[in-house]
Amino acid sequence: MASNRAAEFVAGWLFWTILCVLLAGPCIYGVWRITEDDSYVLLRVGVGIVAAAIVAGMIAWAVNSVVQWRYRKRRLEERKKAKKRKRG
């Protein structure tokens, strides 16, 4: 199995969980503000947690995309340098 140097930093489940916990409060507050006063409390909290999970997933996906793009770009540059050294 080939080693993957992109694993130095990957926004995985731990990153997503931390983001989800950090965003839970603001998302629950936001849902609390936009719902009616006679809505069930558990419904408000549940929708807030689901919203936090979705937003955390989008942020983790974006961070992973940037990390993978930078890793690929760096790897291609290293290959070009290695080819130049081989030729010269």
C-alpha atoms as a PDB file:
ATOM      1  CA  MET A   1       0.000   0.000   0.000  1.00  0.00           C
ATOM      2  CA  ALA A   2       1.441   3.364  -1.001  1.00  0.00           C
ATOM      3  CA  SER A   3       1.895   5.972   1.685  1.00  0.00           C
ATOM      4  CA  ASN A   4      -0.163   9.098   1.245  1.00  0.00           C
ATOM      5  CA  ARG A   5       1.604  12.255   2.337  1.00  0.00           C
ATOM      6  CA  ALA A   6      -1.645  14.191   2.046  1.00  0.00           C
ATOM      7  CA  ALA A   7      -2.623  12.473   5.277  1.00  0.00           C
ATOM      8  CA  GLU A   8      -0.466  15.026   7.124  1.00  0.00           C
ATOM      9  CA  PHE A   9      -3.644  17.034   7.586  1.00  0.00           C
ATOM     10  CA  VAL A  10      -6.988  15.782   6.466  1.00  0.00           C
ATOM     11  CA  ALA A  11     -10.269  17.264   7.593  1.00  0.00           C
ATOM     12  CA  GLY A  12     -11.816  13.987   8.633  1.00  0.00           C
ATOM     13  CA  TRP A  13     -14.378  12.893  11.168  1.00  0.00           C
ATOM     14  CA  LEU A  14     -12.596  14.499  14.112  1.00  0.00           C
ATOM     15  CA  PHE A  15     -12.486  17.860  12.328  1.00  0.00           C
ATOM     16  CA  TRP A  16     -16.147  17.498  11.358  1.00  0.00           C
ATOM     17  CA  THR A  17     -17.134  16.601  14.937  1.00  0.00           C
ATOM     18  CA  ILE A  18     -15.321  19.593  16.391  1.00  0.00           C
ATOM     19  CA  LEU A  19     -16.945  21.897  13.843  1.00  0.00           C
ATOM     20  CA  CYS A  20     -20.341  20.360  14.507  1.00  0.00           C
ATOM     21  CA  VAL A  21     -20.006  20.955  18.246  1.00  0.00           C
ATOM     22  CA  LEU A  22     -18.787  24.524  17.710  1.00  0.00           C
ATOM     23  CA  LEU A  23     -21.594  25.322  15.271  1.00  0.00           C
ATOM     24  CA  ALA A  24     -24.370  23.650  17.281  1.00  0.00           C
ATOM     25  CA  GLY A  25     -24.929  26.641  19.551  1.00  0.00           C
ATOM     26  CA  PRO A  26     -25.186  29.288  16.822  1.00  0.00           C
ATOM     27  CA  CYS A  27     -27.336  27.013  14.648  1.00  0.00           C
ATOM     28  CA  ILE A  28     -29.733  26.208  17.480  1.00  0.00           C
ATOM     29  CA  TYR A  29     -29.955  29.917  18.286  1.00  0.00           C
ATOM     30  CA  GLY A  30     -30.640  30.722  14.635  1.00  0.00           C
ATOM     31  CA  VAL A  31     -33.372  28.098  14.404  1.00  0.00           C
ATOM     32  CA  TRP A  32     -34.821  29.375  17.686  1.00  0.00           C
ATOM     33  CA  ARG A  33     -35.030  32.884  16.221  1.00  0.00           C
ATOM     34  CA  ILE A  34     -36.717  31.900  12.949  1.00  0.00           C
ATOM     35  CA  THR A  35     -39.305  29.451  14.308  1.00  0.00           C
ATOM     36  CA  GLU A  36     -42.609  30.212  15.964  1.00  0.00           C
ATOM     37  CA  ASP A  37     -42.788  30.466  19.747  1.00  0.00           C
ATOM     38  CA  ASP A  38     -45.208  27.542  20.022  1.00  0.00           C
ATOM     39  CA  SER A  39     -42.836  25.104  18.260  1.00  0.00           C
ATOM     40  CA  TYR A  40     -41.581  22.092  20.193  1.00  0.00           C
ATOM     41  CA  VAL A  41     -38.264  22.617  21.930  1.00  0.00           C
ATOM     42  CA  LEU A  42     -36.862  19.272  20.753  1.00  0.00           C
ATOM     43  CA  LEU A  43     -37.788  20.128  17.180  1.00  0.00           C
ATOM     44  CA  ARG A  44     -35.892  23.399  17.382  1.00  0.00           C
ATOM     45  CA  VAL A  45     -32.845  21.751  18.940  1.00  0.00           C
ATOM     46  CA  GLY A  46     -32.928  18.852  16.492  1.00  0.00           C
ATOM     47  CA  VAL A  47     -33.137  21.099  13.435  1.00  0.00           C
ATOM     48  CA  GLY A  48     -30.302  23.210  14.839  1.00  0.00           C
ATOM     49  CA  ILE A  49     -28.092  20.157  15.305  1.00  0.00           C
ATOM     50  CA  VAL A  50     -28.880  18.882  11.815  1.00  0.00           C
ATOM     51  CA  ALA A  51     -28.095  22.318  10.373  1.00  0.00           C
ATOM     52  CA  ALA A  52     -24.798  22.374  12.285  1.00  0.00           C
ATOM     53  CA  ALA A  53     -23.922  18.922  10.928  1.00  0.00           C
ATOM     54  CA  ILE A  54     -24.647  19.987   7.355  1.00  0.00           C
ATOM     55  CA  VAL A  55     -22.666  23.220   7.628  1.00  0.00           C
ATOM     56  CA  ALA A  56     -19.770  21.377   9.300  1.00  0.00           C
ATOM     57  CA  GLY A  57     -19.816  18.858   6.463  1.00  0.00           C
ATOM     58  CA  MET A  58     -19.636  21.584   3.842  1.00  0.00           C
ATOM     59  CA  ILE A  59     -16.736  23.281   5.634  1.00  0.00           C
ATOM     60  CA  ALA A  60     -14.867  19.971   6.062  1.00  0.00           C
ATOM     61  CA  TRP A  61     -15.422  19.184   2.372  1.00  0.00           C
ATOM     62  CA  ALA A  62     -14.072  22.598   1.352  1.00  0.00           C
ATOM     63  CA  VAL A  63     -10.996  22.245   3.578  1.00  0.00           C
ATOM     64  CA  ASN A  64     -10.336  18.747   2.227  1.00  0.00           C
ATOM     65  CA  SER A  65     -10.638  20.015  -1.333  1.00  0.00           C
ATOM     66  CA  VAL A  66      -8.092  22.765  -0.721  1.00  0.00           C
ATOM     67  CA  VAL A  67      -5.683  20.395   1.035  1.00  0.00           C
ATOM     68  CA  GLN A  68      -5.919  17.805  -1.742  1.00  0.00           C
ATOM     69  CA  TRP A  69      -5.508  20.475  -4.444  1.00  0.00           C
ATOM     70  CA  ARG A  70      -2.392  21.866  -2.748  1.00  0.00           C
ATOM     71  CA  TYR A  71      -0.971  18.365  -2.267  1.00  0.00           C
ATOM     72  CA  ARG A  72      -1.536  17.501  -5.940  1.00  0.00           C
ATOM     73  CA  LYS A  73       0.025  20.768  -7.090  1.00  0.00           C
ATOM     74  CA  ARG A  74       3.085  20.223  -4.883  1.00  0.00           C
ATOM     75  CA  ARG A  75       3.442  16.615  -6.087  1.00  0.00           C
ATOM     76  CA  LEU A  76       3.323  17.697  -9.743  1.00  0.00           C
ATOM     77  CA  GLU A  77       5.995  20.329  -9.114  1.00  0.00           C
ATOM     78  CA  GLU A  78       8.211  17.724  -7.433  1.00  0.00           C
ATOM     79  CA  ARG A  79       7.794  15.407 -10.431  1.00  0.00           C
ATOM     80  CA  LYS A  80       8.792  18.193 -12.821  1.00  0.00           C
ATOM     81  CA  LYS A  81      11.897  18.958 -10.761  1.00  0.00           C
ATOM     82  CA  ALA A  82      12.824  15.277 -10.631  1.00  0.00           C
ATOM     83  CA  LYS A  83      12.493  14.971 -14.420  1.00  0.00           C
ATOM     84  CA  LYS A  84      14.701  18.047 -14.925  1.00  0.00           C
ATOM     85  CA  ARG A  85      17.367  16.567 -12.633  1.00  0.00           C
ATOM     86  CA  LYS A  86      17.216  13.257 -14.513  1.00  0.00           C
ATOM     87  CA  ARG A  87      17.691  14.918 -17.899  1.00  0.00           C
ATOM     88  CA  GLY A  88      20.345  17.376 -16.870  1.00  0.00           C
END
